[in-house]
């Protein structure tokens, strides 16, 4: 199965949720927003959204500063 993450194609070997993917990418920070097929996924739903072949994700990290 392949998904597109921030414009880059990535192969996944097994059924994966958004939450599992974030752990695999070592993105465990709280200041992350995930858009899944043009829909923002609330953090409390990351563990229930199962990715499908062809899905598109945008993952954004918020960085403080001025």
Foldseek 3Di string as FASTA:
>chain_A
DWEAEQNRIDDDDDWDFQVRVCVVVVNPDPQKWKAKQNRTDDPVCRRPHIDDPYIYMYMDGDDDDD
